[in-house]
Amino acid sequence: MGQNNNLPALTQETVVARINIELTKKQLSVQKLQDEADALEYTEENIPIISAYLAKLAAIDKVTNDVHTEVKKPYLEAGRVCDAAKNSNLAITAAIRTTVSAKHSKLCAEVDRKKKEAAEAKAKQEAILRGIDTNVIEFSSKIASCTTNVELINVERLINLEKSESRAEKYGDFHLQAIAKYDEVLKPILKNQKEKIQQKEELEKKIKEAEKLDDVEKIDELSEQKEKIEEQIQDNAIKVQEAAINTAPIEPSIPLAEEVFADTKSRRSYTIEIADEKEAIKKAKDLLEISINKDAANIILKTLKDTGAFKDKSEVILNGIKYSEIKNYK
């Protein structure tokens, strides 16, 4: 490939001048073409004259294209030299980029995966800890609303179930802390409520015995004591719930490690492709650009021509594709 370092500057006028010189050599000119076209008379007798005029236009076009090719050639070669230099450098950077980008993308994807896992682990930890605190409040409320020993036993069973090994998976690494929290907050509440209810039930038994003996004075005395116990149970219900709500949130004994991740920069891009051609044509035809595969269609066209399909017609429709015969006069 030759070097063209001193190519003259081109203008449209200089190239037009080159074309006109070659046309003059062949006794052709574009100056009077329009006047000649306007002077043509379109009659059957003049068909040979019109055909000769069209041939003249074709000759001028050929000269124009030939001069264009000749004048452009050295500039085209110079452009190819520039392109080759550019493409040489870009080929080197592209090859290196392919390797580096692949490794870089893999590394960044791994960091993003770790970030996602860390965020999920933290969210799971927070959910478990919130669940423990919520359970403390709910169990406290249930204990406070118990008025019989049977009700208390049922609540205690629910608490023990949460503390059992069957719930270990639910609490994960925080099961032992959950057990400790339930024992710390709920055991005293259970014990206090049990004592109050036991006192109330014992007074109810004594009242029944006094009623059998028709000991009015004793009944009044015991009933007064019972009312005080019931008031204490009611007061206890409020205190219990307040104490549970005000209990400090549970903190993990082993805090989740806050790993520091490298910053990753990404630019989102999206691809669109046809996954199911039949479904796309049926339901998303407006999103498709349908064009003819000319190489394949020309094979069919040749077969149609060879078999005389255009003998008495100018168009043939086959499988939804229209093949047309067009006459160009000269």
Protein backbone atom coordinates (compact mmCIF):
# COMPACT_ATOMS: atom_id res chain seq x y z
CA MET A 1 0.00 0.00 0.00
CA GLY A 2 1.59 3.27 -1.14
CA GLN A 3 1.98 6.39 0.94
CA ASN A 4 0.31 9.61 -0.31
CA ASN A 5 1.73 12.38 1.82
CA ASN A 6 1.35 15.33 -0.60
CA LEU A 7 -2.16 14.95 -1.96
CA PRO A 8 -3.67 18.21 -3.27
CA ALA A 9 -6.70 19.58 -1.50
CA LEU A 10 -9.94 18.75 -3.28
CA THR A 11 -12.95 20.99 -3.86
CA GLN A 12 -16.21 20.16 -5.53
CA GLU A 13 -15.42 22.66 -8.29
CA THR A 14 -12.09 21.03 -9.21
CA VAL A 15 -13.66 17.57 -9.41
CA VAL A 16 -16.58 18.88 -11.52
CA ALA A 17 -14.03 20.48 -13.84
CA ARG A 18 -12.21 17.13 -14.23
CA ILE A 19 -15.49 15.43 -15.11
CA ASN A 20 -16.41 18.09 -17.66
CA ILE A 21 -13.01 17.75 -19.38
CA GLU A 22 -13.55 14.01 -19.85
CA LEU A 23 -17.11 14.60 -21.06
CA THR A 24 -15.84 17.13 -23.61
CA LYS A 25 -13.37 14.56 -24.93
CA LYS A 26 -16.32 12.28 -25.65
CA GLN A 27 -18.38 15.16 -27.05
CA LEU A 28 -20.74 15.00 -24.07
CA SER A 29 -22.01 17.82 -21.87
CA VAL A 30 -24.43 18.27 -18.96
CA GLN A 31 -25.09 21.97 -19.58
CA LYS A 32 -27.91 21.48 -22.11
CA LEU A 33 -29.35 18.21 -20.81
CA GLN A 34 -32.42 19.80 -19.24
CA ASP A 35 -33.16 21.86 -22.36
CA GLU A 36 -32.87 18.74 -24.49
CA ALA A 37 -35.19 16.83 -22.10
CA ASP A 38 -37.74 19.66 -22.25
CA ALA A 39 -37.63 19.58 -26.04
CA LEU A 40 -38.41 15.85 -26.31
CA GLU A 41 -41.76 14.98 -27.86
CA TYR A 42 -43.22 11.80 -26.39
CA THR A 43 -44.76 10.18 -29.44
CA GLU A 44 -44.43 6.64 -30.74
CA GLU A 45 -42.42 7.89 -33.69
CA ASN A 46 -39.89 9.50 -31.30
CA ILE A 47 -39.21 6.37 -29.20
CA PRO A 48 -35.78 5.84 -30.88
CA ILE A 49 -34.87 9.51 -30.17
CA ILE A 50 -35.92 9.19 -26.50
CA SER A 51 -33.97 5.89 -26.22
CA ALA A 52 -30.89 7.63 -27.69
CA TYR A 53 -31.27 10.45 -25.16
CA LEU A 54 -31.45 7.92 -22.28
CA ALA A 55 -28.30 6.26 -23.65
CA LYS A 56 -26.60 9.67 -23.65
CA LEU A 57 -27.52 10.13 -19.97
CA ALA A 58 -26.09 6.68 -19.20
CA ALA A 59 -22.84 7.60 -20.99
CA ILE A 60 -22.52 10.82 -18.98
CA ASP A 61 -23.15 8.83 -15.77
CA LYS A 62 -20.39 6.36 -16.74
CA VAL A 63 -17.86 9.13 -17.37
CA THR A 64 -18.84 10.81 -14.08
CA ASN A 65 -18.38 7.58 -12.13
CA ASP A 66 -15.09 6.76 -13.84
CA VAL A 67 -13.58 10.19 -13.07
CA HIS A 68 -14.88 9.97 -9.49
CA THR A 69 -13.16 6.60 -9.06
CA GLU A 70 -9.89 7.83 -10.54
CA VAL A 71 -9.76 11.07 -8.52
CA LYS A 72 -10.80 9.42 -5.29
CA LYS A 73 -8.41 6.46 -5.54
CA PRO A 74 -5.29 8.05 -3.95
CA TYR A 75 -7.38 9.66 -1.23
CA LEU A 76 -9.13 6.35 -0.65
CA GLU A 77 -5.77 4.62 -0.28
CA ALA A 78 -4.62 7.33 2.14
CA GLY A 79 -7.80 6.80 4.13
CA ARG A 80 -7.13 3.08 4.21
CA VAL A 81 -3.62 3.73 5.55
CA CYS A 82 -5.16 5.86 8.34
CA ASP A 83 -7.73 3.18 9.04
CA ALA A 84 -5.05 0.48 9.14
CA ALA A 85 -3.01 2.48 11.66
CA LYS A 86 -6.06 3.12 13.81
CA ASN A 87 -7.25 -0.50 13.58
CA SER A 88 -3.77 -1.78 14.44
CA ASN A 89 -3.75 0.13 17.72
CA LEU A 90 -7.38 -0.68 18.48
CA ALA A 91 -6.72 -4.39 17.86
CA ILE A 92 -4.01 -4.34 20.52
CA THR A 93 -6.16 -2.52 23.08
CA ALA A 94 -9.18 -4.70 22.23
CA ALA A 95 -7.22 -7.92 22.79
CA ILE A 96 -5.85 -6.68 26.10
CA ARG A 97 -9.21 -5.23 27.11
CA THR A 98 -10.96 -8.56 26.50
CA THR A 99 -8.70 -10.34 28.99
CA VAL A 100 -8.57 -7.56 31.58
CA SER A 101 -12.30 -6.79 31.38
CA ALA A 102 -13.24 -10.45 31.80
CA LYS A 103 -11.10 -10.80 34.94
CA HIS A 104 -12.23 -7.39 36.23
CA SER A 105 -15.91 -8.22 35.68
CA LYS A 106 -15.50 -11.56 37.43
CA LEU A 107 -13.80 -9.87 40.39
CA CYS A 108 -16.45 -7.13 40.66
CA ALA A 109 -19.26 -9.68 40.37
CA GLU A 110 -17.72 -11.64 43.26
CA VAL A 111 -17.53 -8.46 45.38
CA ASP A 112 -21.17 -7.66 44.57
CA ARG A 113 -22.13 -11.22 45.50
CA LYS A 114 -20.37 -10.88 48.86
CA LYS A 115 -22.06 -7.51 49.45
CA LYS A 116 -25.44 -9.05 48.73
CA GLU A 117 -24.77 -12.01 51.03
CA ALA A 118 -23.58 -9.67 53.80
CA ALA A 119 -26.69 -7.50 53.43
CA GLU A 120 -28.94 -10.58 53.50
CA ALA A 121 -27.14 -11.93 56.58
CA LYS A 122 -27.53 -8.58 58.34
CA ALA A 123 -31.20 -8.35 57.41
CA LYS A 124 -31.76 -11.90 58.66
CA GLN A 125 -29.98 -11.11 61.94
CA GLU A 126 -32.08 -7.97 62.43
CA ALA A 127 -35.27 -9.89 61.66
CA ILE A 128 -34.42 -12.58 64.24
CA LEU A 129 -33.58 -9.99 66.90
CA ARG A 130 -36.78 -8.06 66.17
CA GLY A 131 -38.69 -11.32 66.42
CA ILE A 132 -37.23 -12.04 69.85
CA ASP A 133 -38.18 -8.60 71.18
CA THR A 134 -41.65 -8.91 69.65
CA ASN A 135 -42.12 -12.31 71.30
CA VAL A 136 -41.12 -10.86 74.68
CA ILE A 137 -43.81 -8.17 74.37
CA GLU A 138 -46.48 -10.61 73.11
CA PHE A 139 -45.75 -13.24 75.78
CA SER A 140 -45.73 -10.54 78.46
CA SER A 141 -49.12 -9.38 77.26
CA LYS A 142 -50.51 -12.93 77.32
CA ILE A 143 -49.17 -13.51 80.82
CA ALA A 144 -50.67 -10.25 82.03
CA SER A 145 -54.10 -11.19 80.64
CA CYS A 146 -54.17 -14.60 82.39
CA THR A 147 -56.66 -14.91 85.22
CA THR A 148 -56.35 -18.64 85.94
CA ASN A 149 -53.50 -21.02 86.55
CA VAL A 150 -54.54 -23.10 83.52
CA GLU A 151 -54.17 -20.07 81.24
CA LEU A 152 -50.73 -19.38 82.68
CA ILE A 153 -49.64 -22.98 82.07
CA ASN A 154 -50.72 -22.73 78.41
CA VAL A 155 -48.67 -19.54 77.93
CA GLU A 156 -45.70 -21.12 79.68
CA ARG A 157 -45.88 -24.04 77.24
CA LEU A 158 -45.66 -21.65 74.31
CA ILE A 159 -42.62 -19.97 75.86
CA ASN A 160 -40.94 -23.32 76.50
CA LEU A 161 -41.63 -24.31 72.90
CA GLU A 162 -39.68 -21.25 71.68
CA LYS A 163 -36.84 -22.25 74.00
CA SER A 164 -36.82 -25.87 72.81
CA GLU A 165 -34.31 -27.39 70.41
CA SER A 166 -37.03 -27.62 67.75
CA ARG A 167 -36.81 -23.83 67.38
CA ALA A 168 -32.99 -23.74 67.09
CA GLU A 169 -33.03 -23.38 63.30
CA LYS A 170 -35.52 -20.51 63.51
CA TYR A 171 -33.22 -18.50 65.79
CA GLY A 172 -29.92 -19.59 64.23
CA ASP A 173 -26.91 -18.28 66.17
CA PHE A 174 -29.19 -16.33 68.53
CA HIS A 175 -31.14 -19.23 70.07
CA LEU A 176 -29.18 -19.22 73.33
CA GLN A 177 -29.57 -15.45 73.59
CA ALA A 178 -33.30 -15.78 72.93
CA ILE A 179 -33.59 -18.35 75.73
CA ALA A 180 -31.64 -16.09 78.08
CA LYS A 181 -33.86 -13.11 77.18
CA TYR A 182 -37.09 -15.10 77.70
CA ASP A 183 -35.83 -16.37 81.07
CA GLU A 184 -34.62 -12.95 82.16
CA VAL A 185 -37.81 -11.06 81.29
CA LEU A 186 -40.61 -13.61 81.30
CA LYS A 187 -39.72 -15.87 84.26
CA PRO A 188 -40.17 -13.14 86.90
CA ILE A 189 -43.44 -12.07 85.27
CA LEU A 190 -44.72 -15.66 85.24
CA LYS A 191 -43.70 -16.20 88.87
CA ASN A 192 -45.35 -12.97 90.02
CA GLN A 193 -48.56 -13.68 88.14
CA LYS A 194 -48.67 -17.26 89.41
CA GLU A 195 -48.39 -16.07 93.00
CA LYS A 196 -51.18 -13.52 92.54
CA ILE A 197 -53.49 -16.01 90.85
CA GLN A 198 -52.68 -18.67 93.46
CA GLN A 199 -53.56 -16.20 96.23
CA LYS A 200 -56.82 -15.34 94.47
CA GLU A 201 -57.75 -19.01 93.99
CA GLU A 202 -56.99 -19.80 97.65
CA LEU A 203 -59.20 -16.89 98.76
CA GLU A 204 -61.98 -18.15 96.46
CA LYS A 205 -61.76 -21.56 98.19
CA LYS A 206 -61.92 -19.94 101.62
CA ILE A 207 -64.89 -17.83 100.56
CA LYS A 208 -66.73 -21.00 99.47
CA GLU A 209 -65.97 -22.63 102.85
CA ALA A 210 -67.21 -19.50 104.67
CA GLU A 211 -70.35 -19.54 102.54
CA LYS A 212 -71.01 -23.14 103.63
CA LEU A 213 -70.70 -22.04 107.24
CA ASP A 214 -72.79 -18.95 106.49
CA ASP A 215 -70.03 -16.85 108.10
CA VAL A 216 -70.97 -13.46 106.70
CA GLU A 217 -68.26 -11.58 108.52
CA LYS A 218 -65.58 -13.97 107.20
CA ILE A 219 -67.03 -13.78 103.69
CA ASP A 220 -66.80 -9.99 103.69
CA GLU A 221 -63.24 -10.07 105.00
CA LEU A 222 -62.11 -12.64 102.42
CA SER A 223 -63.96 -10.89 99.58
CA GLU A 224 -62.21 -7.66 100.45
CA GLN A 225 -58.84 -9.45 100.30
CA LYS A 226 -59.80 -11.03 96.98
CA GLU A 227 -60.70 -7.64 95.51
CA LYS A 228 -57.32 -6.27 96.52
CA ILE A 229 -55.56 -9.23 94.86
CA GLU A 230 -57.61 -8.73 91.68
CA GLU A 231 -56.67 -5.05 91.68
CA GLN A 232 -53.03 -6.05 92.07
CA ILE A 233 -53.42 -8.46 89.13
CA GLN A 234 -54.86 -5.65 87.02
CA ASP A 235 -52.09 -3.27 88.07
CA ASN A 236 -49.58 -6.00 87.41
CA ALA A 237 -50.90 -6.42 83.88
CA ILE A 238 -50.09 -2.78 83.08
CA LYS A 239 -46.69 -2.92 84.79
CA VAL A 240 -45.77 -6.17 83.05
CA GLN A 241 -46.47 -4.78 79.57
CA GLU A 242 -44.65 -1.54 80.31
CA ALA A 243 -41.65 -3.44 81.63
CA ALA A 244 -41.58 -5.66 78.52
CA ILE A 245 -41.80 -2.68 76.15
CA ASN A 246 -39.05 -0.82 77.99
CA THR A 247 -36.73 -3.81 78.04
CA ALA A 248 -33.53 -3.06 76.13
CA PRO A 249 -33.43 -4.68 72.68
CA ILE A 250 -31.36 -7.81 72.50
CA GLU A 251 -27.84 -7.38 71.20
CA PRO A 252 -25.92 -10.21 69.53
CA SER A 253 -23.23 -11.73 71.72
CA ILE A 254 -21.05 -11.93 68.62
CA PRO A 255 -21.78 -8.91 66.44
CA LEU A 256 -21.93 -9.55 62.72
CA ALA A 257 -18.58 -8.55 61.25
CA GLU A 258 -18.83 -5.42 59.14
CA GLU A 259 -16.67 -6.36 56.17
CA VAL A 260 -15.28 -3.49 54.12
CA PHE A 261 -15.74 -4.13 50.40
CA ALA A 262 -13.98 -2.51 47.49
CA ASP A 263 -16.01 -0.02 45.49
CA THR A 264 -17.31 -1.43 42.24
CA LYS A 265 -18.51 0.74 39.39
CA SER A 266 -20.92 -0.64 36.87
CA ARG A 267 -22.93 0.62 33.96
CA ARG A 268 -26.18 -1.19 33.35
CA SER A 269 -26.93 -2.31 29.83
CA TYR A 270 -29.74 -4.42 28.49
CA THR A 271 -30.20 -6.70 25.51
CA ILE A 272 -33.37 -7.51 23.64
CA GLU A 273 -33.68 -10.66 21.59
CA ILE A 274 -36.35 -12.99 20.26
CA ALA A 275 -36.79 -15.98 22.55
CA ASP A 276 -39.83 -17.50 20.82
CA GLU A 277 -40.20 -16.44 17.17
CA LYS A 278 -43.77 -17.71 16.74
CA GLU A 279 -44.93 -16.09 19.97
CA ALA A 280 -43.24 -12.80 19.05
CA ILE A 281 -44.87 -12.69 15.59
CA LYS A 282 -48.23 -13.52 17.12
CA LYS A 283 -48.22 -11.13 20.09
CA ALA A 284 -45.52 -8.50 19.48
CA LYS A 285 -45.48 -8.01 15.73
CA ASP A 286 -45.28 -4.21 16.17
CA LEU A 287 -41.87 -4.66 17.86
CA LEU A 288 -40.39 -6.58 14.95
CA GLU A 289 -38.68 -5.42 11.77
CA ILE A 290 -39.35 -8.03 9.11
CA SER A 291 -37.21 -7.96 5.97
CA ILE A 292 -36.54 -10.24 3.02
CA ASN A 293 -33.52 -12.54 3.02
CA LYS A 294 -32.61 -11.57 -0.53
CA ASP A 295 -30.07 -14.34 -1.12
CA ALA A 296 -32.57 -17.03 -0.15
CA ALA A 297 -35.47 -15.28 -1.92
CA ASN A 298 -33.46 -14.91 -5.16
CA ILE A 299 -33.10 -18.70 -5.30
CA ILE A 300 -36.91 -19.01 -5.17
CA LEU A 301 -37.23 -16.21 -7.76
CA LYS A 302 -34.87 -18.02 -10.14
CA THR A 303 -36.94 -21.19 -9.77
CA LEU A 304 -40.13 -19.24 -10.53
CA LYS A 305 -38.53 -17.69 -13.64
CA ASP A 306 -37.17 -21.03 -14.86
CA THR A 307 -40.56 -22.73 -14.44
CA GLY A 308 -42.39 -19.98 -16.36
CA ALA A 309 -44.32 -18.58 -13.43
CA PHE A 310 -44.14 -15.08 -14.98
CA LYS A 311 -45.24 -16.23 -18.46
CA ASP A 312 -48.68 -14.62 -18.29
CA LYS A 313 -48.45 -12.52 -15.11
CA SER A 314 -46.20 -9.84 -13.65
CA GLU A 315 -46.34 -10.97 -10.00
CA VAL A 316 -46.43 -14.24 -8.07
CA ILE A 317 -47.31 -14.61 -4.37
CA LEU A 318 -45.82 -17.64 -2.65
CA ASN A 319 -45.95 -18.31 1.11
CA GLY A 320 -46.84 -14.68 1.78
CA ILE A 321 -43.92 -13.30 -0.27
CA LYS A 322 -44.66 -11.34 -3.46
CA TYR A 323 -42.26 -11.74 -6.41
CA SER A 324 -42.73 -9.05 -9.08
CA GLU A 325 -41.46 -8.66 -12.64
CA ILE A 326 -40.63 -5.03 -13.52
CA LYS A 327 -39.79 -3.86 -17.04
CA ASN A 328 -37.24 -1.09 -17.42
CA TYR A 329 -37.35 0.45 -20.91
CA LYS A 330 -34.26 1.87 -22.64
